[in-house]
Amino acid sequence: SGRTDIPYAMGWFRQAPGKEREFVSAISWSGGSTRYADS
């Protein structure tokens, strides 16, 4: 919400207790490209 007129690339990250935040998945602003962590 808010300034949603700008196309944002988006991502998901996660952090488990005692661990650093890690990349999970991401998607381009168009939705046409994605990436995933191997796990």
PDB file of all heavy atoms in Angstrom:
ATOM      1  N   SER A   1       0.856  -1.191   0.000  1.00  0.00           N
ATOM      2  CA  SER A   1       0.000   0.000   0.000  1.00  0.00           C
ATOM      3  C   SER A   1       0.887   1.234   0.000  1.00  0.00           C
ATOM      4  O   SER A   1       2.092   1.152   0.219  1.00  0.00           O
ATOM      5  CB  SER A   1      -0.923  -0.005   1.215  1.00  0.00           C
ATOM      6  OG  SER A   1      -0.181   0.014   2.412  1.00  0.00           O
ATOM      7  N   GLY A   2       0.282   2.378  -0.259  1.00  0.00           N
ATOM      8  CA  GLY A   2       1.051   3.607  -0.342  1.00  0.00           C
ATOM      9  C   GLY A   2       1.379   3.929  -1.783  1.00  0.00           C
ATOM     10  O   GLY A   2       0.502   3.890  -2.639  1.00  0.00           O
ATOM     11  N   ARG A   3       2.632   4.145  -2.067  1.00  0.00           N
ATOM     12  CA  ARG A   3       3.064   4.528  -3.405  1.00  0.00           C
ATOM     13  C   ARG A   3       3.203   3.268  -4.266  1.00  0.00           C
ATOM     14  O   ARG A   3       4.284   2.732  -4.456  1.00  0.00           O
ATOM     15  CB  ARG A   3       4.397   5.268  -3.318  1.00  0.00           C
ATOM     16  CG  ARG A   3       4.905   5.786  -4.655  1.00  0.00           C
ATOM     17  CD  ARG A   3       4.316   7.114  -5.016  1.00  0.00           C
ATOM     18  NE  ARG A   3       4.647   7.512  -6.367  1.00  0.00           N
ATOM     19  CZ  ARG A   3       5.726   8.203  -6.713  1.00  0.00           C
ATOM     20  NH1 ARG A   3       6.606   8.559  -5.775  1.00  0.00           N
ATOM     21  NH2 ARG A   3       5.939   8.511  -7.961  1.00  0.00           N
ATOM     22  N   THR A   4       2.073   2.806  -4.786  1.00  0.00           N
ATOM     23  CA  THR A   4       2.084   1.565  -5.548  1.00  0.00           C
ATOM     24  C   THR A   4       2.061   1.805  -7.053  1.00  0.00           C
ATOM     25  O   THR A   4       1.938   0.858  -7.824  1.00  0.00           O
ATOM     26  CB  THR A   4       0.893   0.680  -5.155  1.00  0.00           C
ATOM     27  OG1 THR A   4      -0.321   1.419  -5.338  1.00  0.00           O
ATOM     28  CG2 THR A   4       1.000   0.233  -3.708  1.00  0.00           C
ATOM     29  N   ASP A   5       2.200   3.063  -7.465  1.00  0.00           N
ATOM     30  CA  ASP A   5       2.234   3.331  -8.890  1.00  0.00           C
ATOM     31  C   ASP A   5       3.604   3.033  -9.488  1.00  0.00           C
ATOM     32  O   ASP A   5       3.753   2.962 -10.704  1.00  0.00           O
ATOM     33  CB  ASP A   5       1.868   4.791  -9.154  1.00  0.00           C
ATOM     34  CG  ASP A   5       2.779   5.760  -8.415  1.00  0.00           C
ATOM     35  OD1 ASP A   5       3.083   5.490  -7.232  1.00  0.00           O
ATOM     36  OD2 ASP A   5       3.186   6.760  -9.007  1.00  0.00           O
ATOM     37  N   ILE A   6       4.595   2.827  -8.625  1.00  0.00           N
ATOM     38  CA  ILE A   6       5.943   2.477  -9.083  1.00  0.00           C
ATOM     39  C   ILE A   6       6.052   0.963  -9.168  1.00  0.00           C
ATOM     40  O   ILE A   6       5.642   0.266  -8.249  1.00  0.00           O
ATOM     41  CB  ILE A   6       6.996   3.022  -8.102  1.00  0.00           C
ATOM     42  CG1 ILE A   6       6.912   4.539  -8.019  1.00  0.00           C
ATOM     43  CG2 ILE A   6       8.383   2.579  -8.523  1.00  0.00           C
ATOM     44  CD1 ILE A   6       7.814   5.126  -6.968  1.00  0.00           C
ATOM     45  N   PRO A   7       6.608   0.424 -10.244  1.00  0.00           N
ATOM     46  CA  PRO A   7       6.763  -1.034 -10.327  1.00  0.00           C
ATOM     47  C   PRO A   7       7.923  -1.505  -9.443  1.00  0.00           C
ATOM     48  O   PRO A   7       9.063  -1.120  -9.655  1.00  0.00           O
ATOM     49  CB  PRO A   7       7.067  -1.273 -11.805  1.00  0.00           C
ATOM     50  CG  PRO A   7       7.692  -0.006 -12.272  1.00  0.00           C
ATOM     51  CD  PRO A   7       7.077   1.098 -11.470  1.00  0.00           C
ATOM     52  N   TYR A   8       7.638  -2.317  -8.469  1.00  0.00           N
ATOM     53  CA  TYR A   8       8.646  -2.793  -7.526  1.00  0.00           C
ATOM     54  C   TYR A   8       9.035  -4.238  -7.816  1.00  0.00           C
ATOM     55  O   TYR A   8       8.165  -5.088  -7.964  1.00  0.00           O
ATOM     56  CB  TYR A   8       8.106  -2.741  -6.099  1.00  0.00           C
ATOM     57  CG  TYR A   8       7.795  -1.355  -5.586  1.00  0.00           C
ATOM     58  CD1 TYR A   8       6.510  -0.839  -5.681  1.00  0.00           C
ATOM     59  CD2 TYR A   8       8.778  -0.578  -4.994  1.00  0.00           C
ATOM     60  CE1 TYR A   8       6.222   0.426  -5.204  1.00  0.00           C
ATOM     61  CE2 TYR A   8       8.493   0.688  -4.517  1.00  0.00           C
ATOM     62  CZ  TYR A   8       7.217   1.183  -4.630  1.00  0.00           C
ATOM     63  OH  TYR A   8       6.942   2.435  -4.165  1.00  0.00           O
ATOM     64  N   ALA A   9      10.323  -4.489  -7.871  1.00  0.00           N
ATOM     65  CA  ALA A   9      10.774  -5.877  -7.803  1.00  0.00           C
ATOM     66  C   ALA A   9      10.550  -6.341  -6.370  1.00  0.00           C
ATOM     67  O   ALA A   9      10.749  -5.571  -5.425  1.00  0.00           O
ATOM     68  CB  ALA A   9      12.247  -5.971  -8.169  1.00  0.00           C
ATOM     69  N   MET A  10      10.129  -7.581  -6.192  1.00  0.00           N
ATOM     70  CA  MET A  10       9.753  -8.064  -4.868  1.00  0.00           C
ATOM     71  C   MET A  10      10.526  -9.324  -4.517  1.00  0.00           C
ATOM     72  O   MET A  10      10.952 -10.076  -5.403  1.00  0.00           O
ATOM     73  CB  MET A  10       8.251  -8.381  -4.834  1.00  0.00           C
ATOM     74  CG  MET A  10       7.354  -7.221  -5.209  1.00  0.00           C
ATOM     75  SD  MET A  10       7.320  -5.937  -3.969  1.00  0.00           S
ATOM     76  CE  MET A  10       6.463  -6.769  -2.635  1.00  0.00           C
ATOM     77  N   GLY A  11      10.659  -9.550  -3.226  1.00  0.00           N
ATOM     78  CA  GLY A  11      11.352 -10.753  -2.786  1.00  0.00           C
ATOM     79  C   GLY A  11      10.828 -11.247  -1.457  1.00  0.00           C
ATOM     80  O   GLY A  11      10.157 -10.519  -0.722  1.00  0.00           O
ATOM     81  N   TRP A  12      11.125 -12.502  -1.189  1.00  0.00           N
ATOM     82  CA  TRP A  12      10.854 -13.110   0.114  1.00  0.00           C
ATOM     83  C   TRP A  12      12.168 -13.559   0.726  1.00  0.00           C
ATOM     84  O   TRP A  12      12.998 -14.176   0.048  1.00  0.00           O
ATOM     85  CB  TRP A  12       9.931 -14.325  -0.036  1.00  0.00           C
ATOM     86  CG  TRP A  12       8.500 -13.998  -0.338  1.00  0.00           C
ATOM     87  CD1 TRP A  12       7.912 -13.977  -1.570  1.00  0.00           C
ATOM     88  CD2 TRP A  12       7.479 -13.669   0.601  1.00  0.00           C
ATOM     89  NE1 TRP A  12       6.586 -13.638  -1.448  1.00  0.00           N
ATOM     90  CE2 TRP A  12       6.294 -13.454  -0.120  1.00  0.00           C
ATOM     91  CE3 TRP A  12       7.442 -13.532   1.996  1.00  0.00           C
ATOM     92  CZ2 TRP A  12       5.085 -13.112   0.493  1.00  0.00           C
ATOM     93  CZ3 TRP A  12       6.248 -13.196   2.601  1.00  0.00           C
ATOM     94  CH2 TRP A  12       5.083 -12.990   1.852  1.00  0.00           C
ATOM     95  N   PHE A  13      12.329 -13.247   1.993  1.00  0.00           N
ATOM     96  CA  PHE A  13      13.480 -13.686   2.765  1.00  0.00           C
ATOM     97  C   PHE A  13      12.965 -14.342   4.042  1.00  0.00           C
ATOM     98  O   PHE A  13      11.795 -14.173   4.405  1.00  0.00           O
ATOM     99  CB  PHE A  13      14.367 -12.480   3.116  1.00  0.00           C
ATOM    100  CG  PHE A  13      15.033 -11.862   1.924  1.00  0.00           C
ATOM    101  CD1 PHE A  13      14.333 -11.038   1.062  1.00  0.00           C
ATOM    102  CD2 PHE A  13      16.374 -12.116   1.655  1.00  0.00           C
ATOM    103  CE1 PHE A  13      14.936 -10.470  -0.053  1.00  0.00           C
ATOM    104  CE2 PHE A  13      16.993 -11.555   0.547  1.00  0.00           C
ATOM    105  CZ  PHE A  13      16.269 -10.730  -0.304  1.00  0.00           C
ATOM    106  N   ARG A  14      13.831 -15.073   4.706  1.00  0.00           N
ATOM    107  CA  ARG A  14      13.426 -15.678   5.969  1.00  0.00           C
ATOM    108  C   ARG A  14      14.584 -15.668   6.949  1.00  0.00           C
ATOM    109  O   ARG A  14      15.754 -15.620   6.561  1.00  0.00           O
ATOM    110  CB  ARG A  14      12.923 -17.109   5.757  1.00  0.00           C
ATOM    111  CG  ARG A  14      13.994 -18.095   5.307  1.00  0.00           C
ATOM    112  CD  ARG A  14      13.357 -19.444   4.964  1.00  0.00           C
ATOM    113  NE  ARG A  14      14.354 -20.424   4.561  1.00  0.00           N
ATOM    114  CZ  ARG A  14      14.060 -21.634   4.089  1.00  0.00           C
ATOM    115  NH1 ARG A  14      12.781 -22.020   3.959  1.00  0.00           N
ATOM    116  NH2 ARG A  14      15.016 -22.467   3.745  1.00  0.00           N
ATOM    117  N   GLN A  15      14.212 -15.706   8.221  1.00  0.00           N
ATOM    118  CA  GLN A  15      15.223 -15.738   9.273  1.00  0.00           C
ATOM    119  C   GLN A  15      14.777 -16.704  10.352  1.00  0.00           C
ATOM    120  O   GLN A  15      13.723 -16.513  10.982  1.00  0.00           O
ATOM    121  CB  GLN A  15      15.451 -14.353   9.864  1.00  0.00           C
ATOM    122  CG  GLN A  15      16.603 -14.296  10.844  1.00  0.00           C
ATOM    123  CD  GLN A  15      17.021 -12.873  11.169  1.00  0.00           C
ATOM    124  OE1 GLN A  15      16.248 -11.925  10.985  1.00  0.00           O
ATOM    125  NE2 GLN A  15      18.249 -12.715  11.636  1.00  0.00           N
ATOM    126  N   ALA A  16      15.589 -17.714  10.556  1.00  0.00           N
ATOM    127  CA  ALA A  16      15.341 -18.695  11.607  1.00  0.00           C
ATOM    128  C   ALA A  16      16.060 -18.260  12.877  1.00  0.00           C
ATOM    129  O   ALA A  16      17.023 -17.497  12.808  1.00  0.00           O
ATOM    130  CB  ALA A  16      15.835 -20.070  11.161  1.00  0.00           C
ATOM    131  N   PRO A  17      15.621 -18.733  14.037  1.00  0.00           N
ATOM    132  CA  PRO A  17      16.268 -18.348  15.292  1.00  0.00           C
ATOM    133  C   PRO A  17      17.758 -18.657  15.276  1.00  0.00           C
ATOM    134  O   PRO A  17      18.166 -19.773  14.916  1.00  0.00           O
ATOM    135  CB  PRO A  17      15.531 -19.189  16.335  1.00  0.00           C
ATOM    136  CG  PRO A  17      14.212 -19.468  15.731  1.00  0.00           C
ATOM    137  CD  PRO A  17      14.455 -19.599  14.262  1.00  0.00           C
ATOM    138  N   GLY A  18      18.558 -17.670  15.629  1.00  0.00           N
ATOM    139  CA  GLY A  18      19.992 -17.867  15.709  1.00  0.00           C
ATOM    140  C   GLY A  18      20.710 -17.873  14.376  1.00  0.00           C
ATOM    141  O   GLY A  18      21.926 -18.119  14.326  1.00  0.00           O
ATOM    142  N   LYS A  19      19.971 -17.610  13.304  1.00  0.00           N
ATOM    143  CA  LYS A  19      20.581 -17.619  11.974  1.00  0.00           C
ATOM    144  C   LYS A  19      20.406 -16.271  11.297  1.00  0.00           C
ATOM    145  O   LYS A  19      19.556 -15.466  11.683  1.00  0.00           O
ATOM    146  CB  LYS A  19      19.954 -18.721  11.113  1.00  0.00           C
ATOM    147  CG  LYS A  19      20.229 -20.126  11.611  1.00  0.00           C
ATOM    148  CD  LYS A  19      19.735 -21.155  10.617  1.00  0.00           C
ATOM    149  CE  LYS A  19      20.069 -22.561  11.066  1.00  0.00           C
ATOM    150  NZ  LYS A  19      19.628 -23.585  10.080  1.00  0.00           N
ATOM    151  N   GLU A  20      21.210 -16.041  10.280  1.00  0.00           N
ATOM    152  CA  GLU A  20      21.095 -14.807   9.525  1.00  0.00           C
ATOM    153  C   GLU A  20      19.911 -14.896   8.552  1.00  0.00           C
ATOM    154  O   GLU A  20      19.494 -15.991   8.151  1.00  0.00           O
ATOM    155  CB  GLU A  20      22.385 -14.534   8.760  1.00  0.00           C
ATOM    156  CG  GLU A  20      23.567 -14.219   9.662  1.00  0.00           C
ATOM    157  CD  GLU A  20      24.771 -13.714   8.891  1.00  0.00           C
ATOM    158  OE1 GLU A  20      24.727 -13.741   7.650  1.00  0.00           O
ATOM    159  OE2 GLU A  20      25.740 -13.301   9.539  1.00  0.00           O
ATOM    160  N   ARG A  21      19.426 -13.732   8.171  1.00  0.00           N
ATOM    161  CA  ARG A  21      18.362 -13.680   7.184  1.00  0.00           C
ATOM    162  C   ARG A  21      18.885 -14.226   5.862  1.00  0.00           C
ATOM    163  O   ARG A  21      20.005 -13.924   5.452  1.00  0.00           O
ATOM    164  CB  ARG A  21      17.894 -12.239   7.011  1.00  0.00           C
ATOM    165  CG  ARG A  21      16.710 -12.061   6.091  1.00  0.00           C
ATOM    166  CD  ARG A  21      16.126 -10.681   6.256  1.00  0.00           C
ATOM    167  NE  ARG A  21      17.100  -9.622   5.993  1.00  0.00           N
ATOM    168  CZ  ARG A  21      16.914  -8.355   6.277  1.00  0.00           C
ATOM    169  NH1 ARG A  21      15.784  -7.968   6.855  1.00  0.00           N
ATOM    170  NH2 ARG A  21      17.843  -7.457   5.995  1.00  0.00           N
ATOM    171  N   GLU A  22      18.047 -15.023   5.191  1.00  0.00           N
ATOM    172  CA  GLU A  22      18.473 -15.617   3.936  1.00  0.00           C
ATOM    173  C   GLU A  22      17.429 -15.416   2.851  1.00  0.00           C
ATOM    174  O   GLU A  22      16.227 -15.291   3.117  1.00  0.00           O
ATOM    175  CB  GLU A  22      18.744 -17.120   4.108  1.00  0.00           C
ATOM    176  CG  GLU A  22      17.537 -17.947   4.460  1.00  0.00           C
ATOM    177  CD  GLU A  22      17.837 -19.448   4.479  1.00  0.00           C
ATOM    178  OE1 GLU A  22      18.976 -19.855   4.185  1.00  0.00           O
ATOM    179  OE2 GLU A  22      16.902 -20.216   4.779  1.00  0.00           O
ATOM    180  N   PHE A  23      17.907 -15.404   1.642  1.00  0.00           N
ATOM    181  CA  PHE A  23      17.051 -15.254   0.468  1.00  0.00           C
ATOM    182  C   PHE A  23      16.221 -16.512   0.266  1.00  0.00           C
ATOM    183  O   PHE A  23      16.724 -17.624   0.418  1.00  0.00           O
ATOM    184  CB  PHE A  23      17.927 -14.996  -0.761  1.00  0.00           C
ATOM    185  CG  PHE A  23      17.199 -15.081  -2.067  1.00  0.00           C
ATOM    186  CD1 PHE A  23      16.346 -14.076  -2.483  1.00  0.00           C
ATOM    187  CD2 PHE A  23      17.373 -16.181  -2.893  1.00  0.00           C
ATOM    188  CE1 PHE A  23      15.681 -14.150  -3.692  1.00  0.00           C
ATOM    189  CE2 PHE A  23      16.714 -16.281  -4.109  1.00  0.00           C
ATOM    190  CZ  PHE A  23      15.879 -15.263  -4.505  1.00  0.00           C
ATOM    191  N   VAL A  24      14.951 -16.325  -0.097  1.00  0.00           N
ATOM    192  CA  VAL A  24      14.073 -17.449  -0.400  1.00  0.00           C
ATOM    193  C   VAL A  24      13.677 -17.434  -1.875  1.00  0.00           C
ATOM    194  O   VAL A  24      13.888 -18.397  -2.601  1.00  0.00           O
ATOM    195  CB  VAL A  24      12.810 -17.417   0.481  1.00  0.00           C
ATOM    196  CG1 VAL A  24      11.844 -18.533   0.076  1.00  0.00           C
ATOM    197  CG2 VAL A  24      13.173 -17.529   1.951  1.00  0.00           C
ATOM    198  N   SER A  25      13.112 -16.303  -2.302  1.00  0.00           N
ATOM    199  CA  SER A  25      12.611 -16.220  -3.672  1.00  0.00           C
ATOM    200  C   SER A  25      12.420 -14.768  -4.045  1.00  0.00           C
ATOM    201  O   SER A  25      12.272 -13.904  -3.167  1.00  0.00           O
ATOM    202  CB  SER A  25      11.289 -16.984  -3.790  1.00  0.00           C
ATOM    203  OG  SER A  25      10.809 -16.958  -5.125  1.00  0.00           O
ATOM    204  N   ALA A  26      12.421 -14.484  -5.354  1.00  0.00           N
ATOM    205  CA  ALA A  26      12.207 -13.126  -5.824  1.00  0.00           C
ATOM    206  C   ALA A  26      11.523 -13.155  -7.180  1.00  0.00           C
ATOM    207  O   ALA A  26      11.595 -14.147  -7.912  1.00  0.00           O
ATOM    208  CB  ALA A  26      13.529 -12.361  -5.904  1.00  0.00           C
ATOM    209  N   ILE A  27      10.880 -12.031  -7.493  1.00  0.00           N
ATOM    210  CA  ILE A  27      10.152 -11.916  -8.756  1.00  0.00           C
ATOM    211  C   ILE A  27      10.356 -10.522  -9.313  1.00  0.00           C
ATOM    212  O   ILE A  27      10.416  -9.540  -8.565  1.00  0.00           O
ATOM    213  CB  ILE A  27       8.657 -12.237  -8.535  1.00  0.00           C
ATOM    214  CG1 ILE A  27       7.897 -12.343  -9.858  1.00  0.00           C
ATOM    215  CG2 ILE A  27       8.002 -11.226  -7.603  1.00  0.00           C
ATOM    216  CD1 ILE A  27       6.509 -12.980  -9.707  1.00  0.00           C
ATOM    217  N   SER A  28      10.494 -10.431 -10.619  1.00  0.00           N
ATOM    218  CA  SER A  28      10.655  -9.132 -11.270  1.00  0.00           C
ATOM    219  C   SER A  28       9.358  -8.338 -11.198  1.00  0.00           C
ATOM    220  O   SER A  28       8.293  -8.898 -10.931  1.00  0.00           O
ATOM    221  CB  SER A  28      11.062  -9.339 -12.721  1.00  0.00           C
ATOM    222  OG  SER A  28      10.046 -10.064 -13.416  1.00  0.00           O
ATOM    223  N   TRP A  29       9.453  -7.028 -11.450  1.00  0.00           N
ATOM    224  CA  TRP A  29       8.238  -6.226 -11.332  1.00  0.00           C
ATOM    225  C   TRP A  29       7.200  -6.614 -12.370  1.00  0.00           C
ATOM    226  O   TRP A  29       6.003  -6.445 -12.150  1.00  0.00           O
ATOM    227  CB  TRP A  29       8.542  -4.733 -11.371  1.00  0.00           C
ATOM    228  CG  TRP A  29       9.110  -4.164 -12.641  1.00  0.00           C
ATOM    229  CD1 TRP A  29      10.408  -3.831 -12.886  1.00  0.00           C
ATOM    230  CD2 TRP A  29       8.391  -3.800 -13.836  1.00  0.00           C
ATOM    231  NE1 TRP A  29      10.541  -3.306 -14.140  1.00  0.00           N
ATOM    232  CE2 TRP A  29       9.327  -3.267 -14.751  1.00  0.00           C
ATOM    233  CE3 TRP A  29       7.050  -3.862 -14.226  1.00  0.00           C
ATOM    234  CZ2 TRP A  29       8.959  -2.814 -16.012  1.00  0.00           C
ATOM    235  CZ3 TRP A  29       6.686  -3.411 -15.478  1.00  0.00           C
ATOM    236  CH2 TRP A  29       7.639  -2.899 -16.359  1.00  0.00           C
ATOM    237  N   SER A  30       7.648  -7.145 -13.496  1.00  0.00           N
ATOM    238  CA  SER A  30       6.701  -7.574 -14.533  1.00  0.00           C
ATOM    239  C   SER A  30       6.061  -8.915 -14.196  1.00  0.00           C
ATOM    240  O   SER A  30       5.025  -9.279 -14.763  1.00  0.00           O
ATOM    241  CB  SER A  30       7.420  -7.684 -15.867  1.00  0.00           C
ATOM    242  OG  SER A  30       8.337  -8.767 -15.839  1.00  0.00           O
ATOM    243  N   GLY A  31       6.703  -9.661 -13.292  1.00  0.00           N
ATOM    244  CA  GLY A  31       6.231 -11.004 -12.983  1.00  0.00           C
ATOM    245  C   GLY A  31       6.766 -12.063 -13.922  1.00  0.00           C
ATOM    246  O   GLY A  31       6.518 -13.251 -13.722  1.00  0.00           O
ATOM    247  N   GLY A  32       7.541 -11.652 -14.916  1.00  0.00           N
ATOM    248  CA  GLY A  32       7.990 -12.587 -15.924  1.00  0.00           C
ATOM    249  C   GLY A  32       9.229 -13.381 -15.557  1.00  0.00           C
ATOM    250  O   GLY A  32       9.541 -14.384 -16.203  1.00  0.00           O
ATOM    251  N   SER A  33       9.945 -12.943 -14.521  1.00  0.00           N
ATOM    252  CA  SER A  33      11.159 -13.646 -14.114  1.00  0.00           C
ATOM    253  C   SER A  33      11.095 -13.934 -12.623  1.00  0.00           C
ATOM    254  O   SER A  33      10.630 -13.099 -11.839  1.00  0.00           O
ATOM    255  CB  SER A  33      12.395 -12.801 -14.412  1.00  0.00           C
ATOM    256  OG  SER A  33      12.517 -12.561 -15.803  1.00  0.00           O
ATOM    257  N   THR A  34      11.589 -15.108 -12.254  1.00  0.00           N
ATOM    258  CA  THR A  34      11.618 -15.512 -10.852  1.00  0.00           C
ATOM    259  C   THR A  34      12.947 -16.175 -10.529  1.00  0.00           C
ATOM    260  O   THR A  34      13.692 -16.609 -11.430  1.00  0.00           O
ATOM    261  CB  THR A  34      10.483 -16.497 -10.515  1.00  0.00           C
ATOM    262  OG1 THR A  34      10.607 -17.656 -11.350  1.00  0.00           O
ATOM    263  CG2 THR A  34       9.119 -15.866 -10.752  1.00  0.00           C
ATOM    264  N   ARG A  35      13.250 -16.260  -9.249  1.00  0.00           N
ATOM    265  CA  ARG A  35      14.469 -16.929  -8.784  1.00  0.00           C
ATOM    266  C   ARG A  35      14.158 -17.564  -7.437  1.00  0.00           C
ATOM    267  O   ARG A  35      13.370 -17.034  -6.657  1.00  0.00           O
ATOM    268  CB  ARG A  35      15.606 -15.927  -8.664  1.00  0.00           C
ATOM    269  CG  ARG A  35      16.955 -16.520  -8.300  1.00  0.00           C
ATOM    270  CD  ARG A  35      18.021 -15.446  -8.287  1.00  0.00           C
ATOM    271  NE  ARG A  35      18.169 -14.845  -9.618  1.00  0.00           N
ATOM    272  CZ  ARG A  35      18.746 -13.669  -9.832  1.00  0.00           C
ATOM    273  NH1 ARG A  35      19.206 -12.960  -8.808  1.00  0.00           N
ATOM    274  NH2 ARG A  35      18.853 -13.202 -11.044  1.00  0.00           N
ATOM    275  N   TYR A  36      14.820 -18.678  -7.177  1.00  0.00           N
ATOM    276  CA  TYR A  36      14.610 -19.403  -5.924  1.00  0.00           C
ATOM    277  C   TYR A  36      15.936 -19.821  -5.312  1.00  0.00           C
ATOM    278  O   TYR A  36      16.894 -20.135  -6.030  1.00  0.00           O
ATOM    279  CB  TYR A  36      13.763 -20.651  -6.169  1.00  0.00           C
ATOM    280  CG  TYR A  36      12.386 -20.356  -6.715  1.00  0.00           C
ATOM    281  CD1 TYR A  36      12.150 -20.326  -8.081  1.00  0.00           C
ATOM    282  CD2 TYR A  36      11.316 -20.092  -5.850  1.00  0.00           C
ATOM    283  CE1 TYR A  36      10.888 -20.042  -8.583  1.00  0.00           C
ATOM    284  CE2 TYR A  36      10.052 -19.809  -6.344  1.00  0.00           C
ATOM    285  CZ  TYR A  36       9.853 -19.781  -7.716  1.00  0.00           C
ATOM    286  OH  TYR A  36       8.598 -19.496  -8.211  1.00  0.00           O
ATOM    287  N   ALA A  37      15.950 -19.862  -4.017  1.00  0.00           N
ATOM    288  CA  ALA A  37      17.079 -20.474  -3.327  1.00  0.00           C
ATOM    289  C   ALA A  37      17.056 -21.965  -3.616  1.00  0.00           C
ATOM    290  O   ALA A  37      15.981 -22.560  -3.786  1.00  0.00           O
ATOM    291  CB  ALA A  37      16.977 -20.224  -1.823  1.00  0.00           C
ATOM    292  N   ASP A  38      18.225 -22.577  -3.651  1.00  0.00           N
ATOM    293  CA  ASP A  38      18.299 -24.007  -3.943  1.00  0.00           C
ATOM    294  C   ASP A  38      17.490 -24.824  -2.938  1.00  0.00           C
ATOM    295  O   ASP A  38      16.914 -25.855  -3.291  1.00  0.00           O
ATOM    296  CB  ASP A  38      19.752 -24.468  -3.932  1.00  0.00           C
ATOM    297  CG  ASP A  38      20.532 -23.963  -5.145  1.00  0.00           C
ATOM    298  OD1 ASP A  38      19.901 -23.546  -6.139  1.00  0.00           O
ATOM    299  OD2 ASP A  38      21.782 -23.987  -5.087  1.00  0.00           O
ATOM    300  N   SER A  39      17.436 -24.360  -1.714  1.00  0.00           N
ATOM    301  CA  SER A  39      16.770 -25.117  -0.653  1.00  0.00           C
ATOM    302  C   SER A  39      15.251 -25.195  -0.832  1.00  0.00           C
ATOM    303  O   SER A  39      14.599 -26.049  -0.226  1.00  0.00           O
ATOM    304  CB  SER A  39      17.093 -24.509   0.710  1.00  0.00           C
ATOM    305  OG  SER A  39      16.673 -23.149   0.754  1.00  0.00           O
TER     306      SER A  39
END
